[in-house]
């Protein structure tokens, strides 16, 4: 997998996490712990994308 393909895969995962966060937040009783974990994963992916984009 090329670096560009890897970045695209990470962007897809990032987008999927956005959807999961939105779904959880729209529930009548959202699970704050799950939301925080999803956001943490999303941030980690964003950092990796930025790292790959600058190298």
PDB file of N, CA and C in Angstrom:
ATOM      1  N   UNK A   1       0.846  -1.175   0.000  1.00  0.00           N
ATOM      2  CA  UNK A   1       0.000   0.000   0.000  1.00  0.00           C
ATOM      3  C   UNK A   1       0.892   1.239   0.000  1.00  0.00           C
ATOM      4  N   UNK A   2       0.601   2.135  -0.925  1.00  0.00           N
ATOM      5  CA  UNK A   2       1.384   3.361  -0.991  1.00  0.00           C
ATOM      6  C   UNK A   2       0.967   4.299   0.140  1.00  0.00           C
ATOM      7  N   UNK A   3       1.789   5.314   0.359  1.00  0.00           N
ATOM      8  CA  UNK A   3       1.493   6.279   1.415  1.00  0.00           C
ATOM      9  C   UNK A   3       0.178   6.993   1.132  1.00  0.00           C
ATOM     10  N   UNK A   4      -0.088   7.285  -0.142  1.00  0.00           N
ATOM     11  CA  UNK A   4      -1.321   7.981  -0.509  1.00  0.00           C
ATOM     12  C   UNK A   4      -2.537   7.092  -0.230  1.00  0.00           C
ATOM     13  N   UNK A   5      -2.421   5.813  -0.534  1.00  0.00           N
ATOM     14  CA  UNK A   5      -3.515   4.872  -0.263  1.00  0.00           C
ATOM     15  C   UNK A   5      -3.754   4.766   1.246  1.00  0.00           C
ATOM     16  N   UNK A   6      -2.668   4.761   2.005  1.00  0.00           N
ATOM     17  CA  UNK A   6      -2.779   4.677   3.455  1.00  0.00           C
ATOM     18  C   UNK A   6      -3.509   5.906   4.003  1.00  0.00           C
ATOM     19  N   UNK A   7      -3.163   7.090   3.494  1.00  0.00           N
ATOM     20  CA  UNK A   7      -3.818   8.327   3.926  1.00  0.00           C
ATOM     21  C   UNK A   7      -5.308   8.270   3.588  1.00  0.00           C
ATOM     22  N   UNK A   8      -5.645   7.782   2.399  1.00  0.00           N
ATOM     23  CA  UNK A   8      -7.053   7.691   2.003  1.00  0.00           C
ATOM     24  C   UNK A   8      -7.807   6.726   2.908  1.00  0.00           C
ATOM     25  N   UNK A   9      -7.179   5.610   3.259  1.00  0.00           N
ATOM     26  CA  UNK A   9      -7.803   4.645   4.168  1.00  0.00           C
ATOM     27  C   UNK A   9      -8.029   5.275   5.549  1.00  0.00           C
ATOM     28  N   UNK A  10      -7.064   6.044   6.008  1.00  0.00           N
ATOM     29  CA  UNK A  10      -7.201   6.725   7.296  1.00  0.00           C
ATOM     30  C   UNK A  10      -8.318   7.765   7.250  1.00  0.00           C
ATOM     31  N   UNK A  11      -8.438   8.467   6.121  1.00  0.00           N
ATOM     32  CA  UNK A  11      -9.505   9.460   5.985  1.00  0.00           C
ATOM     33  C   UNK A  11     -10.873   8.779   6.024  1.00  0.00           C
ATOM     34  N   UNK A  12     -10.961   7.601   5.432  1.00  0.00           N
ATOM     35  CA  UNK A  12     -12.214   6.847   5.464  1.00  0.00           C
ATOM     36  C   UNK A  12     -12.551   6.443   6.891  1.00  0.00           C
ATOM     37  N   UNK A  13     -11.555   5.949   7.630  1.00  0.00           N
ATOM     38  CA  UNK A  13     -11.774   5.579   9.035  1.00  0.00           C
ATOM     39  C   UNK A  13     -12.199   6.801   9.849  1.00  0.00           C
ATOM     40  N   UNK A  14     -11.566   7.941   9.570  1.00  0.00           N
ATOM     41  CA  UNK A  14     -11.877   9.187  10.274  1.00  0.00           C
ATOM     42  C   UNK A  14     -13.343   9.561  10.033  1.00  0.00           C
ATOM     43  N   UNK A  15     -13.781   9.452   8.794  1.00  0.00           N
ATOM     44  CA  UNK A  15     -15.161   9.750   8.435  1.00  0.00           C
ATOM     45  C   UNK A  15     -16.136   8.772   9.097  1.00  0.00           C
ATOM     46  N   UNK A  16     -15.765   7.503   9.123  1.00  0.00           N
ATOM     47  CA  UNK A  16     -16.605   6.489   9.770  1.00  0.00           C
ATOM     48  C   UNK A  16     -16.765   6.786  11.258  1.00  0.00           C
ATOM     49  N   UNK A  17     -15.681   7.226  11.893  1.00  0.00           N
ATOM     50  CA  UNK A  17     -15.754   7.581  13.314  1.00  0.00           C
ATOM     51  C   UNK A  17     -16.668   8.780  13.529  1.00  0.00           C
ATOM     52  N   UNK A  18     -16.647   9.745  12.603  1.00  0.00           N
ATOM     53  CA  UNK A  18     -17.559  10.890  12.678  1.00  0.00           C
ATOM     54  C   UNK A  18     -19.009  10.415  12.711  1.00  0.00           C
ATOM     55  N   UNK A  19     -19.314   9.460  11.841  1.00  0.00           N
ATOM     56  CA  UNK A  19     -20.680   8.926  11.767  1.00  0.00           C
ATOM     57  C   UNK A  19     -21.054   8.208  13.058  1.00  0.00           C
ATOM     58  N   UNK A  20     -20.136   7.412  13.595  1.00  0.00           N
ATOM     59  CA  UNK A  20     -20.408   6.700  14.843  1.00  0.00           C
ATOM     60  C   UNK A  20     -20.634   7.663  16.003  1.00  0.00           C
ATOM     61  N   UNK A  21     -19.842   8.730  16.052  1.00  0.00           N
ATOM     62  CA  UNK A  21     -19.997   9.739  17.101  1.00  0.00           C
ATOM     63  C   UNK A  21     -21.361  10.408  16.974  1.00  0.00           C
ATOM     64  N   UNK A  22     -21.747  10.780  15.753  1.00  0.00           N
ATOM     65  CA  UNK A  22     -23.039  11.427  15.531  1.00  0.00           C
ATOM     66  C   UNK A  22     -24.188  10.503  15.929  1.00  0.00           C
ATOM     67  N   UNK A  23     -24.064   9.224  15.585  1.00  0.00           N
ATOM     68  CA  UNK A  23     -25.102   8.257  15.950  1.00  0.00           C
ATOM     69  C   UNK A  23     -25.236   8.149  17.471  1.00  0.00           C
ATOM     70  N   UNK A  24     -24.099   8.048  18.138  1.00  0.00           N
ATOM     71  CA  UNK A  24     -24.122   7.907  19.598  1.00  0.00           C
ATOM     72  C   UNK A  24     -24.698   9.166  20.251  1.00  0.00           C
ATOM     73  N   UNK A  25     -24.318  10.337  19.750  1.00  0.00           N
ATOM     74  CA  UNK A  25     -24.795  11.600  20.324  1.00  0.00           C
ATOM     75  C   UNK A  25     -26.296  11.800  20.102  1.00  0.00           C
ATOM     76  N   UNK A  26     -26.843  11.177  19.071  1.00  0.00           N
ATOM     77  CA  UNK A  26     -28.263  11.365  18.776  1.00  0.00           C
ATOM     78  C   UNK A  26     -29.163  10.407  19.555  1.00  0.00           C
ATOM     79  N   UNK A  27     -28.564   9.451  20.254  1.00  0.00           N
ATOM     80  CA  UNK A  27     -29.346   8.516  21.064  1.00  0.00           C
ATOM     81  C   UNK A  27     -29.961   9.250  22.252  1.00  0.00           C
ATOM     82  N   UNK A  28     -31.088   8.724  22.769  1.00  0.00           N
ATOM     83  CA  UNK A  28     -31.713   9.374  23.933  1.00  0.00           C
ATOM     84  C   UNK A  28     -30.784   9.468  25.152  1.00  0.00           C
ATOM     85  N   UNK A  29     -29.988   8.442  25.386  1.00  0.00           N
ATOM     86  CA  UNK A  29     -29.038   8.459  26.505  1.00  0.00           C
ATOM     87  C   UNK A  29     -27.656   8.074  25.985  1.00  0.00           C
ATOM     88  N   UNK A  30     -26.943   9.032  25.380  1.00  0.00           N
ATOM     89  CA  UNK A  30     -25.634   8.713  24.791  1.00  0.00           C
ATOM     90  C   UNK A  30     -24.625   8.253  25.840  1.00  0.00           C
ATOM     91  N   UNK A  31     -23.764   7.368  25.420  1.00  0.00           N
ATOM     92  CA  UNK A  31     -22.704   6.838  26.274  1.00  0.00           C
ATOM     93  C   UNK A  31     -21.484   7.752  26.150  1.00  0.00           C
ATOM     94  N   UNK A  32     -21.279   8.595  27.153  1.00  0.00           N
ATOM     95  CA  UNK A  32     -20.186   9.568  27.105  1.00  0.00           C
ATOM     96  C   UNK A  32     -18.817   8.905  27.024  1.00  0.00           C
ATOM     97  N   UNK A  33     -18.664   7.773  27.672  1.00  0.00           N
ATOM     98  CA  UNK A  33     -17.377   7.072  27.638  1.00  0.00           C
ATOM     99  C   UNK A  33     -17.089   6.600  26.215  1.00  0.00           C
ATOM    100  N   UNK A  34     -18.096   6.045  25.548  1.00  0.00           N
ATOM    101  CA  UNK A  34     -17.925   5.591  24.157  1.00  0.00           C
ATOM    102  C   UNK A  34     -17.618   6.780  23.253  1.00  0.00           C
ATOM    103  N   UNK A  35     -18.327   7.882  23.438  1.00  0.00           N
ATOM    104  CA  UNK A  35     -18.088   9.075  22.619  1.00  0.00           C
ATOM    105  C   UNK A  35     -16.656   9.557  22.798  1.00  0.00           C
ATOM    106  N   UNK A  36     -16.182   9.607  24.041  1.00  0.00           N
ATOM    107  CA  UNK A  36     -14.807  10.051  24.295  1.00  0.00           C
ATOM    108  C   UNK A  36     -13.792   9.119  23.660  1.00  0.00           C
ATOM    109  N   UNK A  37     -14.040   7.812  23.714  1.00  0.00           N
ATOM    110  CA  UNK A  37     -13.125   6.849  23.101  1.00  0.00           C
ATOM    111  C   UNK A  37     -13.115   7.015  21.577  1.00  0.00           C
ATOM    112  N   UNK A  38     -14.273   7.201  20.981  1.00  0.00           N
ATOM    113  CA  UNK A  38     -14.345   7.406  19.524  1.00  0.00           C
ATOM    114  C   UNK A  38     -13.617   8.693  19.129  1.00  0.00           C
ATOM    115  N   UNK A  39     -13.794   9.735  19.919  1.00  0.00           N
ATOM    116  CA  UNK A  39     -13.107  10.999  19.633  1.00  0.00           C
ATOM    117  C   UNK A  39     -11.597  10.855  19.780  1.00  0.00           C
ATOM    118  N   UNK A  40     -11.167  10.067  20.753  1.00  0.00           N
ATOM    119  CA  UNK A  40      -9.739   9.818  20.952  1.00  0.00           C
ATOM    120  C   UNK A  40      -9.167   9.078  19.729  1.00  0.00           C
ATOM    121  N   UNK A  41      -9.898   8.086  19.242  1.00  0.00           N
ATOM    122  CA  UNK A  41      -9.468   7.344  18.054  1.00  0.00           C
ATOM    123  C   UNK A  41      -9.407   8.266  16.839  1.00  0.00           C
ATOM    124  N   UNK A  42     -10.410   9.119  16.722  1.00  0.00           N
ATOM    125  CA  UNK A  42     -10.467  10.061  15.604  1.00  0.00           C
ATOM    126  C   UNK A  42      -9.267  11.012  15.628  1.00  0.00           C
ATOM    127  N   UNK A  43      -8.926  11.516  16.807  1.00  0.00           N
ATOM    128  CA  UNK A  43      -7.779  12.413  16.940  1.00  0.00           C
ATOM    129  C   UNK A  43      -6.473  11.701  16.599  1.00  0.00           C
ATOM    130  N   UNK A  44      -6.344  10.461  17.044  1.00  0.00           N
ATOM    131  CA  UNK A  44      -5.146   9.676  16.734  1.00  0.00           C
ATOM    132  C   UNK A  44      -4.990   9.508  15.218  1.00  0.00           C
ATOM    133  N   UNK A  45      -6.093   9.230  14.537  1.00  0.00           N
ATOM    134  CA  UNK A  45      -6.050   9.075  13.083  1.00  0.00           C
ATOM    135  C   UNK A  45      -5.697  10.397  12.417  1.00  0.00           C
ATOM    136  N   UNK A  46      -6.284  11.480  12.906  1.00  0.00           N
ATOM    137  CA  UNK A  46      -5.981  12.798  12.340  1.00  0.00           C
ATOM    138  C   UNK A  46      -4.500  13.128  12.495  1.00  0.00           C
ATOM    139  N   UNK A  47      -3.940  12.837  13.647  1.00  0.00           N
ATOM    140  CA  UNK A  47      -2.511  13.071  13.870  1.00  0.00           C
ATOM    141  C   UNK A  47      -1.665  12.245  12.906  1.00  0.00           C
ATOM    142  N   UNK A  48      -2.066  10.987  12.685  1.00  0.00           N
ATOM    143  CA  UNK A  48      -1.317  10.130  11.769  1.00  0.00           C
ATOM    144  C   UNK A  48      -1.414  10.655  10.338  1.00  0.00           C
ATOM    145  N   UNK A  49      -2.595  11.120   9.932  1.00  0.00           N
ATOM    146  CA  UNK A  49      -2.765  11.694   8.596  1.00  0.00           C
ATOM    147  C   UNK A  49      -1.845  12.909   8.442  1.00  0.00           C
ATOM    148  N   UNK A  50      -1.854  13.788   9.431  1.00  0.00           N
ATOM    149  CA  UNK A  50      -1.000  14.985   9.376  1.00  0.00           C
ATOM    150  C   UNK A  50       0.478  14.619   9.311  1.00  0.00           C
ATOM    151  N   UNK A  51       0.866  13.621  10.089  1.00  0.00           N
ATOM    152  CA  UNK A  51       2.249  13.176  10.090  1.00  0.00           C
ATOM    153  C   UNK A  51       2.654  12.652   8.716  1.00  0.00           C
ATOM    154  N   UNK A  52       1.810  11.841   8.124  1.00  0.00           N
ATOM    155  CA  UNK A  52       2.115  11.273   6.799  1.00  0.00           C
ATOM    156  C   UNK A  52       2.108  12.356   5.723  1.00  0.00           C
ATOM    157  N   UNK A  53       1.224  13.336   5.845  1.00  0.00           N
ATOM    158  CA  UNK A  53       1.128  14.381   4.849  1.00  0.00           C
ATOM    159  C   UNK A  53       2.339  15.309   4.851  1.00  0.00           C
ATOM    160  N   UNK A  54       2.994  15.417   6.011  1.00  0.00           N
ATOM    161  CA  UNK A  54       4.140  16.324   6.113  1.00  0.00           C
ATOM    162  C   UNK A  54       5.483  15.621   5.924  1.00  0.00           C
ATOM    163  N   UNK A  55       5.444  14.314   5.641  1.00  0.00           N
ATOM    164  CA  UNK A  55       6.706  13.581   5.431  1.00  0.00           C
ATOM    165  C   UNK A  55       6.749  12.925   4.102  1.00  0.00           C
TER     166      UNK A  55
END
